[in-house]
Amino acid sequence: LWLHIKDHPGAYGIITREKKVMLDDKLLIEAAQWVLEMSLNDKQRKDWVGVKCEFVVSECRYVTPIKGDKIGRVNYRNEDTLRVTLPGLT
């Protein structure tokens, strides 16, 4: 699974799993928190504590880079949205 903050530039996460195996919510939330922490600098993290964030979750096979795009944007489809309220970050 590919995981990224919706409409915000930054890091993404990849979670490997067997096909058709559903992951528990706790693992997805932990991965979302890690992706957010890797996407923000120290000053930005303080502003995001307690904020509800939306993450895009899609199978990697449905994520493709935009040809010729120099900043790393992608197209994705068959996505789900994960809403997470983030606690204090380290």
N, C-alpha and C. Protein backbone atom coordinates (compact mmCIF):
# COMPACT_ATOMS: atom_id res chain seq x y z
N LEU A 1 0.83 -1.19 0.00
CA LEU A 1 0.00 0.00 0.00
C LEU A 1 0.88 1.25 0.00
N TRP A 2 0.45 2.25 -0.73
CA TRP A 2 1.11 3.54 -0.80
C TRP A 2 0.30 4.51 0.05
N LEU A 3 0.98 5.31 0.87
CA LEU A 3 0.33 6.21 1.83
C LEU A 3 0.96 7.59 1.72
N HIS A 4 0.13 8.62 1.59
CA HIS A 4 0.63 9.99 1.44
C HIS A 4 -0.38 10.97 2.03
N ILE A 5 0.12 12.10 2.55
CA ILE A 5 -0.76 13.16 3.05
C ILE A 5 -1.51 13.75 1.86
N LYS A 6 -2.81 13.87 1.97
CA LYS A 6 -3.62 14.37 0.87
C LYS A 6 -3.36 15.86 0.65
N ASP A 7 -3.09 16.23 -0.58
CA ASP A 7 -2.91 17.63 -1.00
C ASP A 7 -1.80 18.36 -0.25
N HIS A 8 -0.75 17.67 0.12
CA HIS A 8 0.38 18.29 0.82
C HIS A 8 1.67 17.64 0.34
N PRO A 9 2.64 18.43 -0.10
CA PRO A 9 3.90 17.82 -0.55
C PRO A 9 4.65 17.20 0.62
N GLY A 10 5.36 16.15 0.35
CA GLY A 10 6.14 15.54 1.42
C GLY A 10 6.40 14.07 1.18
N ALA A 11 6.75 13.38 2.25
CA ALA A 11 7.13 11.97 2.19
C ALA A 11 5.91 11.09 1.92
N TYR A 12 6.20 9.87 1.52
CA TYR A 12 5.16 8.86 1.37
C TYR A 12 5.65 7.59 2.05
N GLY A 13 4.74 6.69 2.31
CA GLY A 13 5.10 5.43 2.92
C GLY A 13 4.61 4.27 2.08
N ILE A 14 5.32 3.18 2.15
CA ILE A 14 4.93 1.94 1.48
C ILE A 14 4.79 0.87 2.56
N ILE A 15 3.65 0.22 2.58
CA ILE A 15 3.40 -0.88 3.51
C ILE A 15 3.23 -2.14 2.68
N THR A 16 4.08 -3.12 2.93
CA THR A 16 3.96 -4.37 2.18
C THR A 16 3.01 -5.31 2.92
N ARG A 17 2.26 -6.05 2.13
CA ARG A 17 1.31 -7.01 2.67
C ARG A 17 0.99 -8.03 1.60
N GLU A 18 0.39 -9.12 1.99
CA GLU A 18 -0.08 -10.12 1.04
C GLU A 18 -1.33 -9.58 0.34
N LYS A 19 -1.53 -9.97 -0.90
CA LYS A 19 -2.72 -9.52 -1.63
C LYS A 19 -3.99 -9.87 -0.86
N LYS A 20 -4.92 -8.95 -0.88
CA LYS A 20 -6.25 -9.12 -0.27
C LYS A 20 -6.22 -9.27 1.24
N VAL A 21 -5.08 -9.01 1.87
CA VAL A 21 -5.00 -9.04 3.34
C VAL A 21 -5.28 -7.64 3.84
N MET A 22 -6.24 -7.49 4.73
CA MET A 22 -6.58 -6.19 5.28
C MET A 22 -5.69 -5.92 6.49
N LEU A 23 -5.17 -4.70 6.57
CA LEU A 23 -4.33 -4.31 7.71
C LEU A 23 -5.20 -3.70 8.79
N ASP A 24 -4.80 -3.84 10.04
CA ASP A 24 -5.59 -3.25 11.11
C ASP A 24 -5.37 -1.74 11.15
N ASP A 25 -6.34 -1.04 11.70
CA ASP A 25 -6.31 0.42 11.74
C ASP A 25 -5.12 0.95 12.51
N LYS A 26 -4.70 0.25 13.56
CA LYS A 26 -3.58 0.72 14.37
C LYS A 26 -2.30 0.85 13.54
N LEU A 27 -2.04 -0.14 12.70
CA LEU A 27 -0.85 -0.10 11.84
C LEU A 27 -0.93 1.04 10.84
N LEU A 28 -2.09 1.25 10.23
CA LEU A 28 -2.25 2.34 9.28
C LEU A 28 -2.08 3.70 9.95
N ILE A 29 -2.60 3.85 11.15
CA ILE A 29 -2.46 5.12 11.88
C ILE A 29 -1.00 5.37 12.24
N GLU A 30 -0.30 4.35 12.69
CA GLU A 30 1.13 4.50 13.00
C GLU A 30 1.92 4.89 11.76
N ALA A 31 1.60 4.27 10.62
CA ALA A 31 2.28 4.60 9.37
C ALA A 31 1.96 6.04 8.95
N ALA A 32 0.72 6.46 9.12
CA ALA A 32 0.34 7.83 8.78
C ALA A 32 1.09 8.84 9.65
N GLN A 33 1.21 8.55 10.92
CA GLN A 33 1.95 9.44 11.81
C GLN A 33 3.42 9.53 11.40
N TRP A 34 4.00 8.41 11.01
CA TRP A 34 5.39 8.41 10.57
C TRP A 34 5.56 9.23 9.30
N VAL A 35 4.64 9.05 8.34
CA VAL A 35 4.71 9.81 7.08
C VAL A 35 4.62 11.31 7.37
N LEU A 36 3.73 11.70 8.26
CA LEU A 36 3.60 13.12 8.59
C LEU A 36 4.87 13.64 9.25
N GLU A 37 5.42 12.87 10.17
CA GLU A 37 6.63 13.29 10.86
C GLU A 37 7.80 13.46 9.88
N MET A 38 7.89 12.60 8.88
CA MET A 38 8.96 12.70 7.89
C MET A 38 8.73 13.85 6.91
N SER A 39 7.49 14.32 6.79
CA SER A 39 7.16 15.36 5.82
C SER A 39 7.34 16.77 6.37
N LEU A 40 7.42 16.92 7.69
CA LEU A 40 7.44 18.24 8.31
C LEU A 40 8.76 18.52 9.00
N ASN A 41 9.14 19.79 9.04
CA ASN A 41 10.32 20.16 9.83
C ASN A 41 9.87 20.41 11.27
N ASP A 42 10.82 20.67 12.16
CA ASP A 42 10.50 20.82 13.58
C ASP A 42 9.49 21.93 13.84
N LYS A 43 9.63 23.06 13.16
CA LYS A 43 8.72 24.18 13.37
C LYS A 43 7.30 23.83 12.90
N GLN A 44 7.18 23.15 11.77
CA GLN A 44 5.87 22.79 11.24
C GLN A 44 5.17 21.75 12.11
N ARG A 45 5.92 20.84 12.73
CA ARG A 45 5.31 19.78 13.54
C ARG A 45 4.45 20.34 14.65
N LYS A 46 4.89 21.42 15.28
CA LYS A 46 4.12 22.02 16.38
C LYS A 46 2.75 22.47 15.92
N ASP A 47 2.65 22.96 14.68
CA ASP A 47 1.38 23.44 14.15
C ASP A 47 0.43 22.31 13.78
N TRP A 48 0.95 21.12 13.57
CA TRP A 48 0.13 20.00 13.13
C TRP A 48 -0.36 19.12 14.27
N VAL A 49 0.12 19.33 15.48
CA VAL A 49 -0.30 18.50 16.62
C VAL A 49 -1.80 18.71 16.86
N GLY A 50 -2.55 17.62 16.92
CA GLY A 50 -3.98 17.68 17.17
C GLY A 50 -4.84 18.00 15.96
N VAL A 51 -4.22 18.19 14.81
CA VAL A 51 -4.97 18.52 13.59
C VAL A 51 -5.44 17.24 12.92
N LYS A 52 -6.68 17.25 12.42
CA LYS A 52 -7.18 16.10 11.66
C LYS A 52 -6.59 16.17 10.26
N CYS A 53 -5.95 15.09 9.86
CA CYS A 53 -5.31 15.02 8.56
C CYS A 53 -5.94 13.92 7.73
N GLU A 54 -5.96 14.13 6.44
CA GLU A 54 -6.43 13.09 5.53
C GLU A 54 -5.23 12.53 4.79
N PHE A 55 -5.20 11.22 4.67
CA PHE A 55 -4.15 10.52 3.95
C PHE A 55 -4.78 9.73 2.82
N VAL A 56 -4.07 9.66 1.71
CA VAL A 56 -4.48 8.85 0.57
C VAL A 56 -3.81 7.50 0.71
N VAL A 57 -4.59 6.44 0.58
CA VAL A 57 -4.07 5.08 0.65
C VAL A 57 -4.50 4.36 -0.63
N SER A 58 -3.53 3.83 -1.35
CA SER A 58 -3.82 3.13 -2.60
C SER A 58 -2.82 1.99 -2.77
N GLU A 59 -3.21 0.98 -3.49
CA GLU A 59 -2.26 -0.07 -3.82
C GLU A 59 -1.21 0.52 -4.76
N CYS A 60 0.03 0.12 -4.59
CA CYS A 60 1.15 0.67 -5.37
C CYS A 60 0.93 0.52 -6.88
N ARG A 61 0.25 -0.52 -7.28
CA ARG A 61 0.04 -0.73 -8.72
C ARG A 61 -0.85 0.35 -9.33
N TYR A 62 -1.57 1.10 -8.50
CA TYR A 62 -2.44 2.17 -8.99
C TYR A 62 -1.80 3.55 -8.87
N VAL A 63 -0.53 3.61 -8.51
CA VAL A 63 0.19 4.88 -8.37
C VAL A 63 1.23 4.95 -9.48
N THR A 64 1.13 6.01 -10.31
CA THR A 64 2.07 6.17 -11.41
C THR A 64 2.61 7.59 -11.43
N PRO A 65 3.93 7.75 -11.69
CA PRO A 65 4.50 9.09 -11.76
C PRO A 65 3.98 9.84 -12.99
N ILE A 66 3.88 11.14 -12.88
CA ILE A 66 3.49 11.99 -14.00
C ILE A 66 4.72 12.18 -14.88
N LYS A 67 4.62 11.80 -16.14
CA LYS A 67 5.76 11.89 -17.05
C LYS A 67 6.20 13.34 -17.21
N GLY A 68 7.50 13.55 -17.10
CA GLY A 68 8.07 14.88 -17.29
C GLY A 68 7.96 15.79 -16.08
N ASP A 69 7.30 15.35 -15.02
CA ASP A 69 7.17 16.18 -13.82
C ASP A 69 8.46 16.11 -13.01
N LYS A 70 9.04 17.26 -12.75
CA LYS A 70 10.34 17.29 -12.08
C LYS A 70 10.24 17.34 -10.56
N ILE A 71 9.04 17.49 -10.01
CA ILE A 71 8.94 17.58 -8.56
C ILE A 71 8.35 16.32 -7.91
N GLY A 72 8.15 15.27 -8.70
CA GLY A 72 7.79 13.99 -8.13
C GLY A 72 6.30 13.74 -7.91
N ARG A 73 5.44 14.48 -8.57
CA ARG A 73 4.01 14.23 -8.40
C ARG A 73 3.59 12.93 -9.07
N VAL A 74 2.49 12.38 -8.60
CA VAL A 74 1.98 11.12 -9.13
C VAL A 74 0.48 11.22 -9.37
N ASN A 75 0.00 10.31 -10.19
CA ASN A 75 -1.44 10.09 -10.34
C ASN A 75 -1.76 8.81 -9.59
N TYR A 76 -2.94 8.77 -8.97
CA TYR A 76 -3.36 7.56 -8.28
C TYR A 76 -4.84 7.36 -8.52
N ARG A 77 -5.25 6.11 -8.38
CA ARG A 77 -6.68 5.77 -8.54
C ARG A 77 -7.00 4.63 -7.59
N ASN A 78 -8.27 4.32 -7.48
CA ASN A 78 -8.74 3.28 -6.56
C ASN A 78 -8.24 3.53 -5.13
N GLU A 79 -8.27 4.78 -4.73
CA GLU A 79 -7.74 5.15 -3.42
C GLU A 79 -8.82 5.15 -2.34
N ASP A 80 -8.37 5.03 -1.12
CA ASP A 80 -9.20 5.22 0.06
C ASP A 80 -8.64 6.41 0.81
N THR A 81 -9.46 7.01 1.65
CA THR A 81 -9.02 8.13 2.47
C THR A 81 -8.98 7.67 3.92
N LEU A 82 -7.87 7.97 4.57
CA LEU A 82 -7.70 7.65 5.99
C LEU A 82 -7.65 8.97 6.74
N ARG A 83 -8.56 9.16 7.69
CA ARG A 83 -8.58 10.39 8.50
C ARG A 83 -7.98 10.08 9.86
N VAL A 84 -6.98 10.90 10.23
CA VAL A 84 -6.25 10.66 11.47
C VAL A 84 -6.09 11.98 12.21
N THR A 85 -6.38 11.98 13.51
CA THR A 85 -6.06 13.11 14.37
C THR A 85 -4.72 12.79 15.01
N LEU A 86 -3.77 13.65 14.78
CA LEU A 86 -2.41 13.35 15.23
C LEU A 86 -2.13 13.89 16.63
N PRO A 87 -1.60 13.03 17.49
CA PRO A 87 -1.22 13.46 18.84
C PRO A 87 0.11 14.19 18.78
N GLY A 88 0.67 14.52 19.92
CA GLY A 88 1.98 15.16 19.96
C GLY A 88 3.02 14.30 19.28
N LEU A 89 3.86 14.93 18.47
CA LEU A 89 4.89 14.21 17.73
C LEU A 89 6.21 14.36 18.44
N THR A 90 7.11 13.42 18.19
CA THR A 90 8.44 13.47 18.81
C THR A 90 9.37 14.31 17.99
